[in-house]
N, C-alpha and C. Protein backbone atom coordinates (compact mmCIF):
# COMPACT_ATOMS: atom_id res chain seq x y z
N UNK A 1 16.75 29.49 15.26
CA UNK A 1 15.56 30.75 14.64
C UNK A 1 14.93 29.86 13.35
N UNK A 2 13.47 30.06 13.60
CA UNK A 2 12.95 29.31 12.34
C UNK A 2 13.32 29.62 10.86
N UNK A 3 13.22 28.61 10.02
CA UNK A 3 13.47 28.87 8.95
C UNK A 3 12.19 29.00 7.87
N UNK A 4 12.11 29.86 7.09
CA UNK A 4 10.83 29.83 6.35
C UNK A 4 11.10 29.61 4.86
N UNK A 5 10.17 28.87 4.28
CA UNK A 5 10.64 28.38 2.66
C UNK A 5 9.23 28.69 1.96
N UNK A 6 9.78 29.55 1.01
CA UNK A 6 8.48 30.05 -0.20
C UNK A 6 8.71 29.27 -1.44
N UNK A 7 7.75 28.47 -1.71
CA UNK A 7 8.10 27.56 -3.09
C UNK A 7 6.94 28.17 -4.38
N UNK A 8 7.25 28.09 -5.37
CA UNK A 8 6.68 28.46 -6.70
C UNK A 8 6.56 29.94 -7.02
N UNK A 9 7.65 30.45 -6.53
CA UNK A 9 7.79 32.36 -6.53
C UNK A 9 8.04 32.23 -8.06
N UNK A 10 7.24 33.04 -9.15
CA UNK A 10 7.76 33.25 -10.11
C UNK A 10 8.72 34.03 -10.42
N UNK A 11 9.75 33.59 -11.34
CA UNK A 11 11.05 34.09 -11.81
C UNK A 11 11.05 35.61 -11.88
N UNK A 12 10.36 36.14 -12.32
CA UNK A 12 10.15 37.79 -12.33
C UNK A 12 9.98 38.69 -11.10
N UNK A 13 9.14 38.04 -10.06
CA UNK A 13 9.32 38.35 -8.93
C UNK A 13 10.31 38.02 -8.03
N UNK A 14 10.91 36.73 -8.14
CA UNK A 14 12.48 36.49 -7.65
C UNK A 14 13.49 37.75 -7.98
N UNK A 15 13.56 38.28 -9.35
CA UNK A 15 14.46 38.74 -9.67
C UNK A 15 14.15 40.21 -9.28
N UNK A 16 13.07 40.55 -9.35
CA UNK A 16 12.41 42.23 -8.53
C UNK A 16 13.03 42.07 -7.17
N UNK A 17 12.69 40.85 -6.16
CA UNK A 17 13.13 41.18 -5.30
C UNK A 17 14.62 41.25 -4.54
N UNK A 18 15.50 40.44 -5.62
CA UNK A 18 16.86 40.63 -5.66
C UNK A 18 17.08 42.41 -6.06
N UNK A 19 16.60 42.74 -7.02
CA UNK A 19 17.14 43.85 -7.55
C UNK A 19 16.65 44.89 -6.47
N UNK A 20 15.47 44.34 -5.57
CA UNK A 20 15.09 45.99 -4.66
C UNK A 20 16.59 45.43 -3.67
N UNK A 21 16.91 44.26 -3.04
CA UNK A 21 17.51 44.17 -1.80
C UNK A 21 18.96 44.71 -2.19
N UNK A 22 19.48 44.38 -3.87
CA UNK A 22 20.61 45.03 -4.28
C UNK A 22 20.77 46.53 -3.91
N UNK A 23 19.48 47.29 -4.41
CA UNK A 23 19.74 48.54 -4.62
C UNK A 23 19.57 49.41 -2.62
N UNK A 24 19.13 48.49 -1.80
CA UNK A 24 19.17 48.72 -0.81
C UNK A 24 20.42 48.19 -0.35
N UNK A 25 21.40 47.67 -0.64
CA UNK A 25 22.65 47.03 -0.36
C UNK A 25 22.61 45.93 0.41
N UNK A 26 21.77 45.14 0.33
CA UNK A 26 21.53 43.96 1.01
C UNK A 26 21.39 42.50 0.02
N UNK A 27 21.67 41.66 0.65
CA UNK A 27 21.48 40.41 -0.19
C UNK A 27 19.77 40.28 -0.33
N UNK A 28 19.10 38.98 -0.74
CA UNK A 28 17.73 39.27 -0.77
C UNK A 28 17.33 38.42 0.59
N UNK A 29 17.94 37.32 1.24
CA UNK A 29 17.74 36.88 2.39
C UNK A 29 17.44 38.21 3.47
N UNK A 30 18.49 38.74 3.45
CA UNK A 30 18.64 39.88 4.36
C UNK A 30 17.42 40.93 4.36
N UNK A 31 17.34 41.42 3.20
CA UNK A 31 16.60 42.26 2.94
C UNK A 31 14.91 41.76 2.74
N UNK A 32 14.66 40.63 2.75
CA UNK A 32 13.08 39.68 3.14
C UNK A 32 13.23 39.71 4.55
N UNK A 33 14.22 39.35 5.37
CA UNK A 33 14.28 39.32 6.48
C UNK A 33 13.79 40.73 7.14
N UNK A 34 14.48 41.96 6.62
CA UNK A 34 14.06 43.09 7.38
C UNK A 34 12.69 43.24 7.05
N UNK A 35 12.10 43.06 5.83
CA UNK A 35 10.63 43.37 5.47
C UNK A 35 9.99 42.61 6.11
N UNK A 36 10.19 41.39 6.55
CA UNK A 36 8.76 40.55 7.36
C UNK A 36 8.93 40.90 8.48
N UNK A 37 9.91 41.69 9.32
CA UNK A 37 10.03 42.14 10.44
C UNK A 37 9.06 43.50 10.57
N UNK A 38 8.84 44.41 9.38
CA UNK A 38 8.18 45.66 9.49
C UNK A 38 7.00 44.80 9.42
N UNK A 39 6.76 44.07 8.46
CA UNK A 39 5.16 43.62 7.84
C UNK A 39 4.64 43.27 9.14
N UNK A 40 5.07 42.41 10.26
CA UNK A 40 4.63 41.99 11.17
C UNK A 40 4.00 43.15 12.46
N UNK A 41 4.73 44.39 11.82
CA UNK A 41 4.33 45.40 13.19
C UNK A 41 3.20 45.97 12.53
N UNK A 42 2.79 46.05 11.63
CA UNK A 42 1.45 46.66 11.10
C UNK A 42 -0.13 46.14 11.69
N UNK A 43 -0.83 47.42 11.76
CA UNK A 43 -1.99 46.20 12.26
C UNK A 43 -2.68 45.49 11.47
N UNK A 44 -3.19 44.47 12.32
CA UNK A 44 -4.36 43.39 11.71
C UNK A 44 -5.60 44.08 11.24
N UNK A 45 -5.96 43.98 10.06
CA UNK A 45 -7.20 44.26 9.71
C UNK A 45 -8.16 43.21 9.59
N UNK A 46 -9.14 42.78 10.55
CA UNK A 46 -10.18 41.57 10.36
C UNK A 46 -11.08 41.88 9.66
N UNK A 47 -11.36 41.08 8.98
CA UNK A 47 -12.89 41.13 7.82
C UNK A 47 -14.00 41.28 8.93
N UNK A 48 -13.91 40.50 10.04
CA UNK A 48 -15.18 40.23 10.78
C UNK A 48 -14.72 39.90 12.26
N UNK A 49 -15.66 40.59 13.06
CA UNK A 49 -15.36 40.50 14.36
C UNK A 49 -16.87 41.31 15.19
N UNK A 50 -16.37 41.15 16.48
CA UNK A 50 -17.91 41.27 17.36
C UNK A 50 -17.05 42.20 18.57
N UNK A 51 -17.44 43.40 19.05
CA UNK A 51 -17.06 44.12 19.96
C UNK A 51 -18.05 43.88 20.94
N UNK A 52 -18.35 43.49 22.17
CA UNK A 52 -19.38 43.39 23.30
C UNK A 52 -18.92 44.28 24.77
N UNK A 53 -19.39 45.09 24.95
CA UNK A 53 -19.32 46.02 26.25
C UNK A 53 -20.30 46.09 27.05
N UNK A 54 -20.31 46.16 28.45
CA UNK A 54 -20.76 46.40 29.57
C UNK A 54 -20.29 47.26 30.54
N UNK A 55 -21.43 47.70 31.41
CA UNK A 55 -21.01 48.58 32.30
C UNK A 55 -21.88 49.73 32.60
N UNK A 56 -22.16 50.16 33.73
CA UNK A 56 -21.49 49.77 35.22
C UNK A 56 -22.47 48.66 35.65
N UNK A 57 -22.03 47.80 36.10
CA UNK A 57 -23.09 46.59 37.01
C UNK A 57 -23.77 45.95 35.48
N UNK A 58 -23.47 45.94 34.46
CA UNK A 58 -24.20 45.56 33.55
C UNK A 58 -25.21 46.22 33.32
N UNK A 59 -25.57 47.64 33.44
CA UNK A 59 -26.75 48.43 33.70
C UNK A 59 -27.11 48.68 32.02
N UNK A 60 -25.73 49.04 31.32
CA UNK A 60 -25.93 49.69 29.86
C UNK A 60 -24.77 48.33 29.44
N UNK A 61 -25.41 47.82 27.90
CA UNK A 61 -24.54 46.81 27.52
C UNK A 61 -24.91 46.87 26.03
N UNK A 62 -24.24 46.52 25.12
CA UNK A 62 -24.33 46.36 23.64
C UNK A 62 -23.16 45.67 22.85
N UNK A 63 -22.94 45.41 21.57
CA UNK A 63 -22.18 45.28 20.55
C UNK A 63 -22.13 46.01 19.85
N UNK A 64 -21.18 45.99 18.90
CA UNK A 64 -21.08 46.52 17.40
C UNK A 64 -20.30 45.33 16.71
N UNK A 65 -21.07 44.76 15.40
CA UNK A 65 -20.53 43.30 14.99
C UNK A 65 -20.31 43.83 13.29
N UNK A 66 -19.23 43.17 12.74
CA UNK A 66 -18.78 43.58 11.52
C UNK A 66 -18.58 42.19 11.11
N UNK A 67 -19.71 42.06 10.05
CA UNK A 67 -19.41 40.64 9.16
C UNK A 67 -18.58 40.54 8.15
N UNK A 68 -18.59 39.42 7.58
CA UNK A 68 -17.28 39.28 6.44
C UNK A 68 -17.87 40.39 5.23
N UNK A 69 -18.98 40.42 4.78
CA UNK A 69 -19.37 41.32 3.85
C UNK A 69 -19.49 42.54 4.49
N UNK A 70 -18.78 43.24 5.23
CA UNK A 70 -18.52 44.85 5.60
C UNK A 70 -20.17 45.23 6.15
N UNK A 71 -21.03 44.87 6.50
CA UNK A 71 -22.23 44.93 7.07
C UNK A 71 -21.86 45.26 8.84
N UNK A 72 -22.41 46.39 9.25
CA UNK A 72 -22.28 46.78 10.39
C UNK A 72 -23.30 46.59 11.09
N UNK A 73 -23.42 45.83 12.38
CA UNK A 73 -24.56 45.58 13.46
C UNK A 73 -24.62 46.46 14.59
N UNK A 74 -25.53 47.22 15.02
CA UNK A 74 -25.22 48.01 16.24
C UNK A 74 -26.51 47.27 17.51
N UNK A 75 -26.00 47.21 18.67
CA UNK A 75 -26.77 47.00 19.43
C UNK A 75 -26.47 48.01 20.84
N UNK A 76 -27.34 48.48 21.40
CA UNK A 76 -27.15 49.37 22.80
C UNK A 76 -28.65 49.44 23.53
N UNK A 77 -28.00 49.05 24.80
CA UNK A 77 -29.15 48.74 25.66
C UNK A 77 -29.15 49.43 27.15
N UNK A 78 -29.94 50.05 27.95
CA UNK A 78 -30.84 50.83 27.64
C UNK A 78 -30.43 52.08 27.25
N UNK A 79 -30.69 52.99 26.27
CA UNK A 79 -30.26 54.16 25.87
C UNK A 79 -30.53 55.15 26.76
N UNK A 80 -31.64 55.01 27.41
CA UNK A 80 -32.01 56.18 28.63
C UNK A 80 -30.96 55.96 29.58
N UNK A 81 -29.94 55.04 29.79
CA UNK A 81 -29.21 55.22 30.71
C UNK A 81 -27.42 55.78 30.46
N UNK A 82 -27.56 56.10 29.08
CA UNK A 82 -26.31 56.40 28.58
C UNK A 82 -25.61 57.34 29.02
N UNK A 83 -24.58 57.71 29.26
CA UNK A 83 -23.73 58.52 29.72
C UNK A 83 -23.53 59.69 28.47
N UNK A 84 -23.51 60.63 28.57
CA UNK A 84 -22.80 61.24 27.21
C UNK A 84 -21.15 60.89 26.81
N UNK A 85 -20.46 60.53 27.72
CA UNK A 85 -19.03 59.49 27.52
C UNK A 85 -19.45 58.55 26.97
N UNK A 86 -20.50 57.59 27.40
CA UNK A 86 -20.89 56.36 26.48
C UNK A 86 -21.47 56.58 25.33
N UNK A 87 -22.11 57.35 25.31
CA UNK A 87 -22.75 57.65 23.75
C UNK A 87 -21.29 58.35 22.57
N UNK A 88 -20.68 58.86 23.35
CA UNK A 88 -19.48 59.61 22.10
C UNK A 88 -18.72 58.17 21.57
N UNK A 89 -18.30 57.58 22.87
CA UNK A 89 -17.58 56.36 22.83
C UNK A 89 -18.29 55.52 21.40
N UNK A 90 -19.52 55.18 21.71
CA UNK A 90 -20.12 53.99 21.18
C UNK A 90 -20.60 54.91 19.55
N UNK A 91 -20.37 55.78 19.53
CA UNK A 91 -20.24 56.59 18.26
C UNK A 91 -18.98 56.30 17.43
N UNK A 92 -18.18 56.52 17.97
CA UNK A 92 -16.53 56.57 17.88
C UNK A 92 -16.06 55.54 17.43
N UNK A 93 -16.70 54.39 18.42
CA UNK A 93 -16.15 52.87 17.73
C UNK A 93 -16.82 52.57 16.64
N UNK A 94 -18.12 53.19 16.68
CA UNK A 94 -19.00 52.52 15.40
C UNK A 94 -18.10 52.94 13.90
N UNK A 95 -17.76 54.17 14.26
CA UNK A 95 -17.16 54.93 12.79
C UNK A 95 -16.20 54.20 12.77
N UNK A 96 -15.16 53.91 13.34
CA UNK A 96 -14.14 52.82 13.54
C UNK A 96 -14.03 51.85 12.79
N UNK A 97 -14.99 51.22 13.10
CA UNK A 97 -15.44 49.40 12.64
C UNK A 97 -15.90 49.68 11.39
N UNK A 98 -16.58 50.72 11.21
CA UNK A 98 -17.22 50.89 9.80
C UNK A 98 -16.23 51.21 8.77
N UNK A 99 -15.28 52.08 9.06
CA UNK A 99 -14.03 52.49 8.30
C UNK A 99 -13.29 51.12 8.14
N UNK A 100 -12.59 50.66 9.07
CA UNK A 100 -11.97 48.95 9.14
C UNK A 100 -10.75 49.56 8.38
N UNK A 101 -9.88 50.50 8.52
CA UNK A 101 -8.46 50.82 8.14
C UNK A 101 -7.65 50.34 9.28
N UNK A 102 -6.63 50.02 8.91
CA UNK A 102 -5.64 49.45 9.61
C UNK A 102 -5.38 50.45 11.17
N UNK A 103 -5.80 49.84 12.38
CA UNK A 103 -5.38 50.21 13.47
C UNK A 103 -6.91 50.85 13.95
N UNK A 104 -7.92 50.68 12.89
CA UNK A 104 -9.52 50.98 13.71
C UNK A 104 -10.02 50.30 14.40
N UNK A 105 -9.67 49.13 14.27
CA UNK A 105 -10.25 47.82 15.53
C UNK A 105 -9.91 48.17 16.85
N UNK A 106 -8.43 48.46 16.94
CA UNK A 106 -7.92 48.75 17.88
C UNK A 106 -8.38 50.20 18.91
N UNK A 107 -8.93 50.90 17.76
CA UNK A 107 -9.13 52.22 18.21
C UNK A 107 -10.82 52.06 18.64
N UNK A 108 -11.23 51.42 17.90
CA UNK A 108 -12.87 51.19 18.65
C UNK A 108 -12.67 50.71 19.73
N UNK A 109 -11.94 49.58 20.15
CA UNK A 109 -11.80 48.86 21.60
C UNK A 109 -11.26 49.67 22.53
N UNK A 110 -10.21 50.75 22.10
CA UNK A 110 -9.74 51.67 23.40
C UNK A 110 -11.04 52.67 23.31
N UNK A 111 -11.92 53.32 22.88
CA UNK A 111 -12.56 54.22 22.91
C UNK A 111 -13.63 53.30 23.73
N UNK A 112 -14.11 52.47 23.49
CA UNK A 112 -15.19 51.43 24.26
C UNK A 112 -14.49 51.22 25.47
N UNK A 113 -13.36 50.93 25.75
CA UNK A 113 -13.03 50.53 27.28
C UNK A 113 -12.85 51.65 27.99
N UNK A 114 -12.69 52.96 27.28
CA UNK A 114 -12.67 54.51 28.15
C UNK A 114 -13.92 54.54 28.94
N UNK A 115 -15.25 54.05 28.19
CA UNK A 115 -16.47 54.37 28.56
C UNK A 115 -17.07 53.40 29.30
N UNK A 116 -16.91 52.15 28.92
CA UNK A 116 -17.30 51.16 29.74
C UNK A 116 -16.27 50.22 30.52
N UNK A 117 -17.08 49.31 31.65
CA UNK A 117 -16.25 48.82 32.65
C UNK A 117 -15.58 47.34 31.90
N UNK A 118 -16.33 47.00 30.90
CA UNK A 118 -15.55 45.38 30.15
C UNK A 118 -16.03 45.52 28.72
N UNK A 119 -15.03 45.58 28.30
CA UNK A 119 -15.13 45.12 26.48
C UNK A 119 -14.34 44.11 26.26
N UNK A 120 -14.87 43.08 25.42
CA UNK A 120 -14.51 41.96 24.62
C UNK A 120 -14.66 42.23 23.36
N UNK A 121 -13.21 41.42 22.76
CA UNK A 121 -13.74 40.86 21.52
C UNK A 121 -13.76 39.73 21.15
N UNK A 122 -14.96 39.43 20.36
CA UNK A 122 -15.24 37.84 19.93
C UNK A 122 -14.95 37.52 18.45
N UNK A 123 -15.26 36.40 18.18
CA UNK A 123 -15.15 36.24 16.70
C UNK A 123 -16.92 36.71 16.13
N UNK A 124 -17.06 36.73 15.18
CA UNK A 124 -18.09 37.06 14.74
C UNK A 124 -18.89 35.79 14.29
N UNK A 125 -20.13 35.88 14.60
CA UNK A 125 -21.13 34.81 14.57
C UNK A 125 -22.29 35.37 13.94
N UNK A 126 -23.00 34.44 12.91
CA UNK A 126 -23.94 35.08 12.02
C UNK A 126 -25.29 34.71 12.49
N UNK A 127 -25.31 34.16 13.66
CA UNK A 127 -26.75 33.96 13.98
C UNK A 127 -26.90 34.93 15.42
N UNK A 128 -27.86 35.33 15.97
CA UNK A 128 -28.15 35.83 17.25
C UNK A 128 -27.81 34.73 18.42
N UNK A 129 -27.05 35.41 19.41
CA UNK A 129 -27.00 34.55 20.54
C UNK A 129 -27.82 34.96 21.73
N UNK A 130 -28.70 34.37 22.30
CA UNK A 130 -29.30 34.59 23.64
C UNK A 130 -28.23 34.22 24.90
N UNK A 131 -27.61 35.33 25.78
CA UNK A 131 -27.09 34.79 26.86
C UNK A 131 -27.57 35.37 27.86
N UNK A 132 -28.46 34.91 28.96
CA UNK A 132 -28.74 35.83 30.07
C UNK A 132 -29.27 37.49 29.71
N UNK A 133 -30.22 37.14 28.97
CA UNK A 133 -30.75 38.39 28.34
C UNK A 133 -30.41 39.24 27.47
N UNK A 134 -29.03 38.69 27.04
CA UNK A 134 -28.33 39.36 26.24
C UNK A 134 -28.32 39.08 24.79
N UNK A 135 -29.23 39.73 23.97
CA UNK A 135 -29.32 39.26 22.52
C UNK A 135 -28.29 40.15 21.70
N UNK A 136 -27.35 39.28 21.36
CA UNK A 136 -26.06 39.79 20.24
C UNK A 136 -27.05 40.50 18.86
N UNK A 137 -25.89 41.64 18.57
CA UNK A 137 -26.81 42.74 17.69
C UNK A 137 -26.58 41.58 16.17
N UNK A 138 -27.54 41.76 15.17
CA UNK A 138 -27.50 41.00 13.85
C UNK A 138 -27.99 42.01 12.91
């Protein structure tokens, strides 16, 4: 099992951790190990990302983009071919991306996956990308 070493922890913080561990009936190492295990179970809240989606047969496509400063970009084409299910999924996903609470990125991905054939998460890129007729939202 790997070891972790944390340096330069203020004395007051180390003392508080020891006190919390004792209150739980554990030593500090055991208490920290338990809390690290719980921490990694939490959803990751990404500051910026892009969700791209296509379907069916790339007739309908789009993206929802969250920038590092929290701005949201949307693109959806062609709107005339959207089903009610796709409209609803796009709206739900957009609300989740805008809110960006723990688990919201996953909710947005799931909503889009239920209505579109292909959904991808890609890194946020600040400049528009043109690929095979697809202008990424910005």
